[in-house]
C-alpha atoms as a PDB file:
ATOM      1  CA  MET A   1       0.004   0.014  -0.006  1.00  0.00           C
ATOM      2  CA  ASN A   2       1.248   3.465  -0.866  1.00  0.00           C
ATOM      3  CA  ALA A   3       2.248   5.487   2.173  1.00  0.00           C
ATOM      4  CA  ALA A   4       0.621   8.614   0.714  1.00  0.00           C
ATOM      5  CA  SER A   5      -2.851   7.172   0.287  1.00  0.00           C
ATOM      6  CA  GLY A   6      -5.798   6.826   2.565  1.00  0.00           C
ATOM      7  CA  PRO A   7      -7.988   9.215   4.578  1.00  0.00           C
ATOM      8  CA  ALA A   8      -5.020  10.898   6.279  1.00  0.00           C
ATOM      9  CA  SER A   9      -3.408  11.943   3.026  1.00  0.00           C
ATOM     10  CA  SER A  10      -6.655  13.228   1.548  1.00  0.00           C
ATOM     11  CA  ALA A  11      -7.139  15.327   4.680  1.00  0.00           C
ATOM     12  CA  LEU A  12      -3.637  16.682   4.236  1.00  0.00           C
ATOM     13  CA  LYS A  13      -4.358  17.464   0.620  1.00  0.00           C
ATOM     14  CA  ARG A  14      -7.583  19.380   1.584  1.00  0.00           C
ATOM     15  CA  ALA A  15      -6.243  21.243   4.586  1.00  0.00           C
ATOM     16  CA  PHE A  16      -2.886  22.853   5.354  1.00  0.00           C
ATOM     17  CA  VAL A  17      -2.176  24.695   8.574  1.00  0.00           C
ATOM     18  CA  SER A  18       1.125  26.427   8.954  1.00  0.00           C
ATOM     19  CA  ALA A  19       2.081  27.301  12.517  1.00  0.00           C
ATOM     20  CA  MET A  20       5.095  29.256  11.319  1.00  0.00           C
ATOM     21  CA  ASP A  21       3.224  31.995   9.526  1.00  0.00           C
ATOM     22  CA  GLY A  22      -0.230  31.532  11.083  1.00  0.00           C
ATOM     23  CA  VAL A  23      -2.095  30.971   7.859  1.00  0.00           C
ATOM     24  CA  ALA A  24      -4.888  28.440   7.609  1.00  0.00           C
ATOM     25  CA  THR A  25      -5.904  27.480   4.049  1.00  0.00           C
ATOM     26  CA  THR A  26      -8.377  24.922   2.942  1.00  0.00           C
ATOM     27  CA  ALA A  27      -9.679  24.164  -0.525  1.00  0.00           C
ATOM     28  CA  ASN A  28     -11.660  21.571  -2.379  1.00  0.00           C
ATOM     29  CA  THR A  29      -9.091  19.380  -4.157  1.00  0.00           C
ATOM     30  CA  ARG A  30     -11.224  16.177  -4.376  1.00  0.00           C
ATOM     31  CA  GLN A  31     -11.897  14.583  -7.759  1.00  0.00           C
ATOM     32  CA  SER A  32     -15.557  13.983  -6.975  1.00  0.00           C
ATOM     33  CA  ALA A  33     -17.849  16.591  -5.443  1.00  0.00           C
ATOM     34  CA  ALA A  34     -18.721  16.112  -1.785  1.00  0.00           C
ATOM     35  CA  LYS A  35     -21.691  17.531   0.071  1.00  0.00           C
ATOM     36  CA  GLY A  36     -21.582  21.314  -0.127  1.00  0.00           C
ATOM     37  CA  PHE A  37     -18.947  21.499  -2.857  1.00  0.00           C
ATOM     38  CA  ALA A  38     -19.461  22.177  -6.555  1.00  0.00           C
ATOM     39  CA  GLN A  39     -18.731  19.652  -9.285  1.00  0.00           C
ATOM     40  CA  PRO A  40     -15.164  20.141 -10.538  1.00  0.00           C
ATOM     41  CA  ALA A  41     -16.187  20.381 -14.154  1.00  0.00           C
ATOM     42  CA  ALA A  42     -18.599  23.246 -13.387  1.00  0.00           C
ATOM     43  CA  THR A  43     -15.956  25.221 -11.574  1.00  0.00           C
ATOM     44  CA  ARG A  44     -12.909  25.078 -13.789  1.00  0.00           C
ATOM     45  CA  SER A  45     -13.316  28.597 -15.169  1.00  0.00           C
ATOM     46  CA  ILE A  46     -12.949  31.527 -12.765  1.00  0.00           C
ATOM     47  CA  SER A  47     -15.694  33.273 -14.662  1.00  0.00           C
ATOM     48  CA  GLN A  48     -18.124  30.585 -13.503  1.00  0.00           C
ATOM     49  CA  THR A  49     -17.466  31.339  -9.842  1.00  0.00           C
ATOM     50  CA  ARG A  50     -18.474  34.225  -7.530  1.00  0.00           C
ATOM     51  CA  SER A  51     -16.318  35.243  -4.616  1.00  0.00           C
ATOM     52  CA  VAL A  52     -16.962  36.984  -1.346  1.00  0.00           C
ATOM     53  CA  ARG A  53     -14.369  38.494   0.955  1.00  0.00           C
ATOM     54  CA  PHE A  54     -14.872  38.719   4.695  1.00  0.00           C
ATOM     55  CA  ILE A  55     -13.211  39.812   7.933  1.00  0.00           C
ATOM     56  CA  THR A  56     -13.585  38.329  11.381  1.00  0.00           C
ATOM     57  CA  PRO A  57     -13.337  40.188  14.698  1.00  0.00           C
ATOM     58  CA  ARG A  58     -10.733  37.800  16.063  1.00  0.00           C
ATOM     59  CA  PRO A  59      -8.277  35.363  14.500  1.00  0.00           C
ATOM     60  CA  LEU A  60      -9.582  31.905  13.888  1.00  0.00           C
ATOM     61  CA  GLN A  61      -7.682  29.599  16.235  1.00  0.00           C
ATOM     62  CA  ASN A  62      -7.600  26.314  14.336  1.00  0.00           C
ATOM     63  CA  LEU A  63      -8.817  24.313  11.351  1.00  0.00           C
ATOM     64  CA  ARG A  64     -12.055  23.279  13.163  1.00  0.00           C
ATOM     65  CA  GLU A  65     -13.111  26.991  13.426  1.00  0.00           C
ATOM     66  CA  THR A  66     -12.269  27.477   9.751  1.00  0.00           C
ATOM     67  CA  GLU A  67     -14.422  24.508   8.797  1.00  0.00           C
ATOM     68  CA  GLN A  68     -17.299  25.806  10.965  1.00  0.00           C
ATOM     69  CA  LEU A  69     -17.074  29.131   9.179  1.00  0.00           C
ATOM     70  CA  ALA A  70     -17.170  27.353   5.777  1.00  0.00           C
ATOM     71  CA  ASP A  71     -20.134  25.216   6.923  1.00  0.00           C
ATOM     72  CA  HIS A  72     -22.058  28.422   7.690  1.00  0.00           C
ATOM     73  CA  PHE A  73     -21.410  29.775   4.155  1.00  0.00           C
ATOM     74  CA  ARG A  74     -22.398  26.454   2.560  1.00  0.00           C
ATOM     75  CA  GLY A  75     -25.997  27.478   3.360  1.00  0.00           C
ATOM     76  CA  PHE A  76     -25.717  30.053   0.556  1.00  0.00           C
ATOM     77  CA  GLY A  77     -24.550  27.750  -2.181  1.00  0.00           C
ATOM     78  CA  ARG A  78     -21.966  25.232  -3.245  1.00  0.00           C
ATOM     79  CA  LEU A  79     -18.409  26.157  -2.283  1.00  0.00           C
ATOM     80  CA  VAL A  80     -15.600  25.949  -4.778  1.00  0.00           C
ATOM     81  CA  ALA A  81     -12.800  26.973  -2.375  1.00  0.00           C
ATOM     82  CA  TYR A  82     -12.233  29.093   0.709  1.00  0.00           C
ATOM     83  CA  ARG A  83      -9.114  30.621   2.325  1.00  0.00           C
ATOM     84  CA  VAL A  84      -8.634  32.243   5.663  1.00  0.00           C
ATOM     85  CA  PHE A  85      -5.554  34.332   6.566  1.00  0.00           C
ATOM     86  CA  ARG A  86      -4.629  35.525  10.004  1.00  0.00           C
ATOM     87  CA  CYS A  87      -3.460  39.139  10.105  1.00  0.00           C
ATOM     88  CA  GLN A  88      -0.049  39.276  11.814  1.00  0.00           C
ATOM     89  CA  ASP A  89      -0.104  43.064  12.513  1.00  0.00           C
ATOM     90  CA  THR A  90      -0.203  43.830  16.186  1.00  0.00           C
ATOM     91  CA  HIS A  91      -2.931  46.361  15.762  1.00  0.00           C
ATOM     92  CA  ARG A  92      -5.175  44.046  13.679  1.00  0.00           C
ATOM     93  CA  ARG A  93      -6.100  40.963  15.562  1.00  0.00           C
ATOM     94  CA  THR A  94      -8.453  39.620  12.904  1.00  0.00           C
ATOM     95  CA  SER A  95      -8.693  37.032  10.111  1.00  0.00           C
ATOM     96  CA  VAL A  96      -9.557  37.870   6.585  1.00  0.00           C
ATOM     97  CA  GLY A  97     -10.778  35.448   3.997  1.00  0.00           C
ATOM     98  CA  LEU A  98     -12.134  34.648   0.603  1.00  0.00           C
ATOM     99  CA  ILE A  99     -14.947  32.219  -0.282  1.00  0.00           C
ATOM    100  CA  GLN A 100     -15.595  31.165  -3.865  1.00  0.00           C
ATOM    101  CA  PHE A 101     -19.088  29.903  -4.668  1.00  0.00           C
ATOM    102  CA  ALA A 102     -20.378  28.173  -7.764  1.00  0.00           C
ATOM    103  CA  SER A 103     -22.235  30.495 -10.159  1.00  0.00           C
ATOM    104  CA  ASP A 104     -25.648  29.289  -8.909  1.00  0.00           C
ATOM    105  CA  ALA A 105     -25.086  30.418  -5.332  1.00  0.00           C
ATOM    106  CA  LYS A 106     -27.767  32.633  -3.592  1.00  0.00           C
ATOM    107  CA  LEU A 107     -25.454  35.630  -2.965  1.00  0.00           C
ATOM    108  CA  ASP A 108     -28.386  38.058  -2.926  1.00  0.00           C
ATOM    109  CA  GLU A 109     -29.240  36.780   0.530  1.00  0.00           C
ATOM    110  CA  LEU A 110     -25.604  37.109   1.618  1.00  0.00           C
ATOM    111  CA  ASP A 111     -25.365  40.641   0.245  1.00  0.00           C
ATOM    112  CA  SER A 112     -28.520  41.675   2.123  1.00  0.00           C
ATOM    113  CA  LEU A 113     -26.870  40.832   5.440  1.00  0.00           C
ATOM    114  CA  PRO A 114     -23.393  42.420   5.613  1.00  0.00           C
ATOM    115  CA  ILE A 115     -22.778  41.017   9.071  1.00  0.00           C
ATOM    116  CA  GLN A 116     -23.209  37.234   9.515  1.00  0.00           C
ATOM    117  CA  LYS A 117     -23.524  35.700  12.975  1.00  0.00           C
ATOM    118  CA  ILE A 118     -21.906  32.280  13.116  1.00  0.00           C
ATOM    119  CA  PRO A 119     -23.713  30.255  15.822  1.00  0.00           C
ATOM    120  CA  ALA A 120     -21.089  27.455  15.835  1.00  0.00           C
ATOM    121  CA  LEU A 121     -18.452  30.073  16.757  1.00  0.00           C
ATOM    122  CA  ASP A 122     -20.287  31.541  19.746  1.00  0.00           C
ATOM    123  CA  ASP A 123     -22.235  34.058  17.546  1.00  0.00           C
ATOM    124  CA  MET A 124     -19.096  35.551  16.065  1.00  0.00           C
ATOM    125  CA  GLU A 125     -19.979  38.471  13.804  1.00  0.00           C
ATOM    126  CA  VAL A 126     -18.265  38.051  10.392  1.00  0.00           C
ATOM    127  CA  ARG A 127     -18.405  41.206   8.287  1.00  0.00           C
ATOM    128  CA  ILE A 128     -18.849  40.727   4.498  1.00  0.00           C
ATOM    129  CA  LEU A 129     -16.724  43.292   2.616  1.00  0.00           C
ATOM    130  CA  PRO A 130     -18.565  45.488   0.084  1.00  0.00           C
ATOM    131  CA  THR A 131     -18.427  44.514  -3.540  1.00  0.00           C
ATOM    132  CA  GLU A 132     -16.531  47.713  -4.448  1.00  0.00           C
ATOM    133  CA  TYR A 133     -13.754  46.756  -2.092  1.00  0.00           C
ATOM    134  CA  GLN A 134     -13.631  43.222  -3.396  1.00  0.00           C
ATOM    135  CA  SER A 135     -13.213  44.362  -7.010  1.00  0.00           C
ATOM    136  CA  PHE A 136     -10.592  46.849  -5.881  1.00  0.00           C
ATOM    137  CA  THR A 137      -8.494  44.326  -4.043  1.00  0.00           C
ATOM    138  CA  ARG A 138      -8.866  41.837  -6.899  1.00  0.00           C
ATOM    139  CA  SER A 139      -7.532  44.428  -9.355  1.00  0.00           C
ATOM    140  CA  LEU A 140      -4.533  45.056  -7.080  1.00  0.00           C
ATOM    141  CA  ASN A 141      -3.618  41.405  -7.242  1.00  0.00           C
ATOM    142  CA  ARG A 142      -3.894  41.174 -10.972  1.00  0.00           C
ATOM    143  CA  ARG A 143      -0.917  41.902 -13.131  1.00  0.00           C
ATOM    144  CA  PRO A 144      -1.528  44.029 -16.241  1.00  0.00           C
ATOM    145  CA  SER A 145      -1.570  41.956 -19.362  1.00  0.00           C
ATOM    146  CA  LEU A 146       1.191  42.267 -21.896  1.00  0.00           C
ATOM    147  CA  SER A 147      -1.174  43.469 -24.605  1.00  0.00           C
ATOM    148  CA  THR A 148      -2.398  46.274 -22.326  1.00  0.00           C
ATOM    149  CA  ARG A 149       1.145  47.440 -21.573  1.00  0.00           C
ATOM    150  CA  THR A 150       2.177  47.149 -25.203  1.00  0.00           C
ATOM    151  CA  HIS A 151      -0.889  49.122 -26.333  1.00  0.00           C
ATOM    152  CA  ALA A 152      -0.277  51.906 -23.748  1.00  0.00           C
ATOM    153  CA  ASN A 153       3.359  52.274 -24.738  1.00  0.00           C
ATOM    154  CA  ALA A 154       2.483  52.277 -28.443  1.00  0.00           C
ATOM    155  CA  SER A 155      -0.114  55.042 -27.986  1.00  0.00           C
ATOM    156  CA  GLU A 156       2.380  57.126 -25.998  1.00  0.00           C
ATOM    157  CA  ALA A 157       5.025  56.686 -28.725  1.00  0.00           C
ATOM    158  CA  SER A 158       2.543  57.684 -31.458  1.00  0.00           C
ATOM    159  CA  GLU A 159       1.843  60.904 -29.595  1.00  0.00           C
ATOM    160  CA  GLY A 160       5.550  61.829 -29.492  1.00  0.00           C
ATOM    161  CA  VAL A 161       5.874  60.941 -25.797  1.00  0.00           C
ATOM    162  CA  ALA A 162       8.644  58.613 -24.762  1.00  0.00           C
ATOM    163  CA  PRO A 163       7.180  55.366 -23.427  1.00  0.00           C
ATOM    164  CA  GLU A 164       7.748  54.844 -19.712  1.00  0.00           C
ATOM    165  CA  ASN A 165       8.623  51.592 -18.099  1.00  0.00           C
ATOM    166  CA  THR A 166       5.455  50.118 -16.814  1.00  0.00           C
ATOM    167  CA  PRO A 167       5.896  48.769 -13.276  1.00  0.00           C
ATOM    168  CA  VAL A 168       4.956  45.155 -12.881  1.00  0.00           C
ATOM    169  CA  ALA A 169       3.104  44.276  -9.683  1.00  0.00           C
END
């Protein structure tokens, strides 16, 4: 029997907790969909998913709390992936996270309640970040495409302005 098979290895594939940097990350990496997760074929394209960012009032302590938070959000639709990061700043004792839903999720209900109370976590109030902030942070993480940079430099050159080096994020 292979040493890297069995329920323990699949649990390791699904969940990784790093004590060194305090980051807890879990995602659906199974080949077949489980309860509460979307079918892999339906979620291969990022355009077929919808994401929500959130912030917690205190850091999540362990993987069990992360799973309880994900279980709460499964009530709104099938999850594709979720990530929770603990803020390491001394003045921000919180966790921030991202949850990706399948395209058929009921996010209208989630948007109508910007503060979610999680009963499994002693009624912790999780704040859903506004959509404007989500698109702004998503654009910060995205690198400009080569065609966009080339087009911008070409238009500057055609106007007689020397093209500047475009910083790469």
